[in-house]
Amino acid sequence: MRKFIIGGVGILFMAVVCYTAIDFRSLLYRPLLNGADNKKTLILKLDKNTSAVSFVRLLESQNLIRSPRMFMLYIRFNGFSKKLKAGIYEVKSGETVLQLLQKVLNADVLILPFRIVNGATQKNIESQLVNAPYLTTEPNVWKNISAEHPSAEGLLLADTYNYDAGSSSGQLLLRANGRLKQVLDKYWTNRDANLPYKTPYELLTAASIIEKEAAKPDERRLISGVLANRLRKRMQLQMDPTVIYGLGTQFNGKLTHQDLSIDSPYNTYLHYGLPPTPIAMVGEDAIDAAAHPTVTNYLYFVANGEGGHQFSETYVQQREAITKYRHRQ
């Protein structure tokens, strides 16, 4: 029987193979952020010109990989060199370089939320966009949204929208505008009969007033009913939020008699009917309330100092309620 003896060179070769395999496994499966200054997350940006070499160098510069040459070999061996996708990526605590590579190959970029708060105005949202991380600005997007209307006010549905890091504000706003159109069309189609609104835009304008007036959700339809009743009777709406909107930066936090005398198209103490545009972005519930008001004889309401309102049918009752609740304001 022959005996095969592995020489010193063979042993050395096997040792190198074993060492390389272990090193490869350590490279691919070791958590990336362990040696990166104890960071919990890290953001990496790959532009359109990023090559496999520059990708590996970026990871090396962030102290994320120990063996850039070995990782480069892995990428080339698997044919990934020309499949890397540009974008902004988040490296999370515990993730491995293999998981990160899979993200880059699938363009699984960082996703961030953008919240349009109920009652926010266009100016509020413009400020939010400036401060939104990894969101590029797009000119003229507001003009595209408001093409058929006097302004873009009210033309975004209040909600939370997720966006890809590196995408444009235009994409985000057009999506919010599209959602507004869908919801508004749904409630306009299924609105109550005999509402005093001729167009979906008028319904939206009423919804924006409801959004600003109703501090409690269960009062939305009651306030909607007051709006509808006053419009049917050709009464001035006399809604404070419309006046405040018209004042803009001149509003100092408290309405005065002088404010109520300023001749603005949004001053519903001076002008009849709805204001020319919505006064805020609204949520679906406010549109629902505008389309389905509670049927009452209420024509007035006043804040009761407890977050809600006292509703009245007559002006005498309204004056009594104002006197009763004035000290709570």
Protein backbone atom coordinates (compact mmCIF):
# COMPACT_ATOMS: atom_id res chain seq x y z
CA MET A 1 0.00 0.00 0.00
CA ARG A 2 1.29 3.40 -0.96
CA LYS A 3 1.50 6.10 1.62
CA PHE A 4 0.96 9.65 0.48
CA ILE A 5 2.78 12.11 2.59
CA ILE A 6 1.84 15.78 2.40
CA GLY A 7 4.98 17.81 2.24
CA GLY A 8 5.71 21.15 3.83
CA VAL A 9 4.58 23.04 0.72
CA GLY A 10 1.20 21.26 0.72
CA ILE A 11 0.65 22.02 4.38
CA LEU A 12 1.50 25.64 3.78
CA PHE A 13 -0.92 25.80 0.84
CA MET A 14 -3.77 24.31 2.88
CA ALA A 15 -3.03 26.72 5.72
CA VAL A 16 -3.20 29.66 3.34
CA VAL A 17 -6.51 28.40 1.90
CA CYS A 18 -8.00 27.96 5.37
CA TYR A 19 -6.73 31.33 6.52
CA THR A 20 -8.13 33.01 3.40
CA ALA A 21 -11.53 31.36 3.87
CA ILE A 22 -11.67 32.48 7.48
CA ASP A 23 -10.59 35.97 6.52
CA PHE A 24 -13.23 36.11 3.76
CA ARG A 25 -15.92 35.06 6.21
CA SER A 26 -14.77 37.67 8.71
CA LEU A 27 -14.81 40.32 5.96
CA LEU A 28 -18.30 39.50 4.74
CA TYR A 29 -20.09 38.80 8.02
CA ARG A 30 -18.43 41.05 10.59
CA PRO A 31 -20.69 43.97 11.66
CA LEU A 32 -19.47 47.05 9.82
CA LEU A 33 -19.83 49.65 12.56
CA ASN A 34 -17.94 47.82 15.29
CA GLY A 35 -14.76 49.62 14.41
CA ALA A 36 -16.26 52.89 13.20
CA ASP A 37 -16.07 55.03 16.33
CA ASN A 38 -19.07 53.22 17.90
CA LYS A 39 -21.49 54.83 15.44
CA LYS A 40 -25.03 53.44 15.47
CA THR A 41 -25.73 54.41 11.86
CA LEU A 42 -23.72 55.84 9.01
CA ILE A 43 -24.80 57.50 5.75
CA LEU A 44 -22.97 56.72 2.54
CA LYS A 45 -23.56 58.58 -0.71
CA LEU A 46 -22.77 56.95 -4.03
CA ASP A 47 -23.02 59.23 -7.06
CA LYS A 48 -23.65 58.16 -10.66
CA ASN A 49 -19.95 57.88 -11.38
CA THR A 50 -19.21 55.57 -8.49
CA SER A 51 -17.15 52.57 -9.60
CA ALA A 52 -16.43 49.38 -7.72
CA VAL A 53 -12.99 50.72 -6.87
CA SER A 54 -14.31 54.03 -5.51
CA PHE A 55 -17.02 52.15 -3.56
CA VAL A 56 -14.42 49.98 -1.88
CA ARG A 57 -12.21 52.98 -1.18
CA LEU A 58 -15.16 54.78 0.40
CA LEU A 59 -15.73 51.87 2.78
CA GLU A 60 -12.02 51.78 3.58
CA SER A 61 -11.93 55.53 4.29
CA GLN A 62 -14.75 55.05 6.81
CA ASN A 63 -12.85 52.19 8.51
CA LEU A 64 -15.65 49.79 7.61
CA ILE A 65 -13.57 47.04 5.99
CA ARG A 66 -10.19 45.58 6.92
CA SER A 67 -9.25 44.08 3.57
CA PRO A 68 -10.26 46.29 0.63
CA ARG A 69 -8.36 44.11 -1.85
CA MET A 70 -10.22 41.00 -0.76
CA PHE A 71 -13.59 42.77 -0.98
CA MET A 72 -12.69 44.09 -4.43
CA LEU A 73 -11.87 40.54 -5.45
CA TYR A 74 -15.27 39.36 -4.16
CA ILE A 75 -17.12 42.05 -6.14
CA ARG A 76 -15.29 41.29 -9.38
CA PHE A 77 -15.52 37.50 -9.00
CA ASN A 78 -19.33 37.76 -8.66
CA GLY A 79 -19.72 40.18 -11.56
CA PHE A 80 -21.02 43.05 -9.41
CA SER A 81 -18.63 45.75 -10.64
CA LYS A 82 -21.10 47.33 -13.08
CA LYS A 83 -24.25 46.65 -11.07
CA LEU A 84 -23.73 49.14 -8.23
CA LYS A 85 -26.57 51.68 -7.99
CA ALA A 86 -26.12 55.35 -7.15
CA GLY A 87 -27.98 56.65 -4.12
CA ILE A 88 -27.84 57.49 -0.44
CA TYR A 89 -27.57 54.46 1.82
CA GLU A 90 -27.83 53.95 5.56
CA VAL A 91 -25.49 51.54 7.28
CA LYS A 92 -27.26 50.33 10.40
CA SER A 93 -25.72 48.90 13.54
CA GLY A 94 -25.14 45.18 13.15
CA GLU A 95 -25.24 45.18 9.36
CA THR A 96 -22.47 43.41 7.45
CA VAL A 97 -20.67 44.46 4.30
CA LEU A 98 -22.56 41.73 2.45
CA GLN A 99 -25.88 43.28 3.52
CA LEU A 100 -24.68 46.72 2.50
CA LEU A 101 -23.54 45.42 -0.88
CA GLN A 102 -26.97 43.86 -1.41
CA LYS A 103 -28.57 47.24 -0.67
CA VAL A 104 -26.38 48.95 -3.25
CA LEU A 105 -27.09 46.28 -5.86
CA ASN A 106 -30.87 46.59 -5.27
CA ALA A 107 -30.86 50.42 -4.94
CA ASP A 108 -32.35 49.96 -1.47
CA VAL A 109 -31.69 53.57 -0.55
CA LEU A 110 -32.42 55.37 2.70
CA ILE A 111 -36.13 56.18 3.08
CA LEU A 112 -37.23 59.15 5.18
CA PRO A 113 -40.65 60.42 6.34
CA PHE A 114 -42.08 63.84 5.51
CA ARG A 115 -45.07 64.89 7.61
CA ILE A 116 -47.60 67.40 6.31
CA VAL A 117 -49.44 68.38 9.47
CA ASN A 118 -53.17 69.05 9.43
CA GLY A 119 -53.65 72.80 9.21
CA ALA A 120 -50.14 73.54 7.91
CA THR A 121 -49.84 76.28 5.31
CA GLN A 122 -47.80 76.44 2.13
CA LYS A 123 -45.24 78.63 3.91
CA ASN A 124 -44.93 76.05 6.71
CA ILE A 125 -44.24 73.33 4.17
CA GLU A 126 -41.73 75.45 2.27
CA SER A 127 -39.76 75.78 5.52
CA GLN A 128 -40.00 72.04 6.11
CA LEU A 129 -38.67 71.30 2.64
CA VAL A 130 -35.61 73.46 3.24
CA ASN A 131 -34.79 71.46 6.37
CA ALA A 132 -35.74 68.02 5.05
CA PRO A 133 -32.58 65.86 4.93
CA TYR A 134 -31.38 64.52 1.58
CA LEU A 135 -34.24 66.10 -0.38
CA THR A 136 -33.25 68.11 -3.44
CA THR A 137 -35.15 71.27 -4.36
CA GLU A 138 -37.09 71.52 -7.58
CA PRO A 139 -38.09 74.94 -8.98
CA ASN A 140 -41.61 75.81 -10.13
CA VAL A 141 -43.20 72.77 -8.49
CA TRP A 142 -45.78 74.94 -6.70
CA LYS A 143 -46.79 76.47 -10.04
CA ASN A 144 -47.36 73.02 -11.47
CA ILE A 145 -49.59 72.12 -8.54
CA SER A 146 -51.62 75.35 -8.62
CA ALA A 147 -51.99 75.57 -12.41
CA GLU A 148 -55.81 75.56 -12.23
CA HIS A 149 -56.17 77.58 -9.01
CA PRO A 150 -55.18 80.98 -7.57
CA SER A 151 -52.55 79.41 -5.31
CA ALA A 152 -51.22 76.06 -4.13
CA GLU A 153 -52.66 76.57 -0.65
CA GLY A 154 -54.69 73.57 0.46
CA LEU A 155 -53.69 71.44 -2.53
CA LEU A 156 -51.68 68.83 -0.59
CA LEU A 157 -53.32 66.17 1.55
CA ALA A 158 -52.09 66.31 5.15
CA ASP A 159 -50.42 62.96 5.82
CA THR A 160 -47.00 61.32 6.18
CA TYR A 161 -45.15 60.60 2.94
CA ASN A 162 -41.99 58.52 2.68
CA TYR A 163 -39.37 59.62 0.18
CA ASP A 164 -36.13 58.18 -1.12
CA ALA A 165 -33.06 60.06 0.06
CA GLY A 166 -31.72 62.05 -2.86
CA SER A 167 -35.11 62.43 -4.57
CA SER A 168 -36.66 65.82 -5.36
CA SER A 169 -39.19 67.92 -3.47
CA GLY A 170 -41.22 68.05 -6.68
CA GLN A 171 -41.80 64.30 -6.64
CA LEU A 172 -42.91 64.47 -3.02
CA LEU A 173 -45.30 67.39 -3.45
CA LEU A 174 -46.85 66.03 -6.64
CA ARG A 175 -47.56 62.78 -4.81
CA ALA A 176 -49.24 64.67 -1.96
CA ASN A 177 -51.23 66.68 -4.52
CA GLY A 178 -52.28 63.49 -6.27
CA ARG A 179 -53.53 62.04 -2.97
CA LEU A 180 -55.49 65.24 -2.32
CA LYS A 181 -57.19 64.98 -5.72
CA GLN A 182 -58.12 61.34 -5.12
CA VAL A 183 -59.60 61.97 -1.69
CA LEU A 184 -61.38 65.17 -2.71
CA ASP A 185 -62.93 63.47 -5.75
CA LYS A 186 -64.13 60.58 -3.59
CA TYR A 187 -65.93 62.81 -1.09
CA TRP A 188 -67.24 65.22 -3.72
CA THR A 189 -68.82 62.29 -5.57
CA ASN A 190 -70.40 60.97 -2.37
CA ARG A 191 -71.26 64.31 -0.73
CA ASP A 192 -74.59 65.03 0.95
CA ALA A 193 -77.32 66.55 -1.17
CA ASN A 194 -78.01 70.31 -1.16
CA LEU A 195 -74.62 71.46 0.06
CA PRO A 196 -73.90 75.14 -0.68
CA TYR A 197 -70.77 74.30 -2.70
CA LYS A 198 -70.63 74.46 -6.48
CA THR A 199 -67.22 72.84 -7.02
CA PRO A 200 -64.83 70.44 -5.28
CA TYR A 201 -62.50 73.42 -4.73
CA GLU A 202 -65.20 75.20 -2.68
CA LEU A 203 -65.66 72.02 -0.64
CA LEU A 204 -61.90 71.96 -0.05
CA THR A 205 -61.95 75.61 1.03
CA ALA A 206 -64.69 74.84 3.54
CA ALA A 207 -62.69 71.82 4.77
CA SER A 208 -59.67 74.06 5.41
CA ILE A 209 -61.77 76.33 7.65
CA ILE A 210 -63.09 73.29 9.50
CA GLU A 211 -59.51 72.02 9.91
CA LYS A 212 -58.43 75.28 11.57
CA GLU A 213 -61.54 75.72 13.71
CA ALA A 214 -62.10 72.19 15.02
CA ALA A 215 -59.80 71.47 17.96
CA LYS A 216 -61.79 68.31 18.75
CA PRO A 217 -62.41 65.67 16.07
CA ASP A 218 -66.03 65.17 17.14
CA GLU A 219 -66.78 68.84 16.42
CA ARG A 220 -65.73 68.79 12.75
CA ARG A 221 -69.17 67.94 11.39
CA LEU A 222 -70.90 70.37 13.75
CA ILE A 223 -68.69 73.21 12.54
CA SER A 224 -69.28 72.03 8.98
CA GLY A 225 -73.00 72.33 9.65
CA VAL A 226 -72.60 75.90 10.90
CA LEU A 227 -70.66 76.82 7.75
CA ALA A 228 -73.31 75.32 5.51
CA ASN A 229 -76.15 76.97 7.43
CA ARG A 230 -74.56 80.43 7.27
CA LEU A 231 -73.80 80.11 3.57
CA ARG A 232 -77.38 79.05 2.80
CA LYS A 233 -78.71 82.05 4.75
CA ARG A 234 -76.22 84.35 2.98
CA MET A 235 -74.68 85.32 6.31
CA GLN A 236 -71.06 86.37 6.65
CA LEU A 237 -69.04 83.41 7.87
CA GLN A 238 -67.12 85.48 10.45
CA MET A 239 -64.44 82.84 10.93
CA ASP A 240 -61.32 84.02 12.75
CA PRO A 241 -58.86 81.63 10.99
CA THR A 242 -59.66 83.19 7.60
CA VAL A 243 -58.84 86.65 8.94
CA ILE A 244 -55.63 85.38 10.51
CA TYR A 245 -54.61 83.80 7.23
CA GLY A 246 -55.21 87.07 5.42
CA LEU A 247 -53.09 88.97 7.93
CA GLY A 248 -50.09 86.71 7.28
CA THR A 249 -46.99 87.92 9.11
CA GLN A 250 -48.91 90.92 10.50
CA PHE A 251 -50.78 88.65 12.91
CA ASN A 252 -49.19 88.94 16.37
CA GLY A 253 -51.00 86.08 18.07
CA LYS A 254 -54.25 87.77 19.08
CA LEU A 255 -57.01 89.16 16.87
CA THR A 256 -58.06 92.74 17.53
CA HIS A 257 -61.04 94.82 16.40
CA GLN A 258 -58.63 96.64 14.10
CA ASP A 259 -57.66 93.32 12.50
CA LEU A 260 -61.31 92.56 11.84
CA SER A 261 -61.70 95.84 9.95
CA ILE A 262 -58.82 95.23 7.51
CA ASP A 263 -60.19 94.84 4.00
CA SER A 264 -58.73 91.52 2.91
CA PRO A 265 -60.46 88.99 0.62
CA TYR A 266 -59.97 86.54 3.50
CA ASN A 267 -61.79 88.75 6.00
CA THR A 268 -65.06 86.88 6.36
CA TYR A 269 -66.30 89.54 8.77
CA LEU A 270 -66.43 92.00 5.87
CA HIS A 271 -67.02 89.79 2.83
CA TYR A 272 -69.74 87.24 2.16
CA GLY A 273 -69.17 83.67 1.08
CA LEU A 274 -66.03 81.57 1.19
CA PRO A 275 -62.53 83.07 0.98
CA PRO A 276 -60.92 82.90 -2.48
CA THR A 277 -58.67 79.91 -1.62
CA PRO A 278 -58.29 77.30 1.11
CA ILE A 279 -56.39 78.60 4.14
CA ALA A 280 -54.46 75.43 5.03
CA MET A 281 -53.66 71.87 4.08
CA VAL A 282 -56.30 69.45 5.30
CA GLY A 283 -56.60 65.82 6.25
CA GLU A 284 -59.18 63.38 4.94
CA ASP A 285 -61.36 63.77 8.04
CA ALA A 286 -61.88 67.49 7.39
CA ILE A 287 -62.92 66.83 3.78
CA ASP A 288 -65.27 64.12 5.02
CA ALA A 289 -66.78 66.59 7.50
CA ALA A 290 -67.25 69.26 4.81
CA ALA A 291 -69.01 66.74 2.58
CA HIS A 292 -71.18 65.35 5.40
CA PRO A 293 -72.13 68.10 7.88
CA THR A 294 -74.28 67.39 10.92
CA VAL A 295 -77.77 68.77 10.29
CA THR A 296 -78.62 71.30 13.02
CA ASN A 297 -79.99 74.81 13.37
CA TYR A 298 -76.68 76.09 14.75
CA LEU A 299 -75.43 79.36 13.30
CA TYR A 300 -72.81 80.30 15.90
CA PHE A 301 -70.10 78.80 18.07
CA VAL A 302 -67.57 80.13 20.55
CA ALA A 303 -64.58 78.57 22.29
CA ASN A 304 -65.52 77.25 25.71
CA GLY A 305 -62.02 77.48 27.17
CA GLU A 306 -61.74 73.70 27.47
CA GLY A 307 -60.57 72.93 23.95
CA GLY A 308 -64.03 72.73 22.47
CA HIS A 309 -66.90 75.04 21.49
CA GLN A 310 -70.37 76.06 22.64
CA PHE A 311 -72.83 76.01 19.73
CA SER A 312 -75.85 78.30 19.50
CA GLU A 313 -78.87 78.74 17.25
CA THR A 314 -79.48 82.45 17.88
CA TYR A 315 -77.37 85.55 18.30
CA VAL A 316 -78.80 86.07 21.80
CA GLN A 317 -77.58 82.60 22.81
CA GLN A 318 -74.23 83.37 21.25
CA ARG A 319 -73.84 86.58 23.26
CA GLU A 320 -74.70 84.70 26.44
CA ALA A 321 -72.12 82.02 25.63
CA ILE A 322 -69.45 84.66 24.92
CA THR A 323 -70.14 86.28 28.28
CA LYS A 324 -70.07 82.92 30.03
CA TYR A 325 -66.80 81.71 28.54
CA ARG A 326 -64.89 85.00 28.13
CA HIS A 327 -63.06 84.59 31.44
CA ARG A 328 -61.75 81.18 30.32
CA GLN A 329 -60.03 82.53 27.21
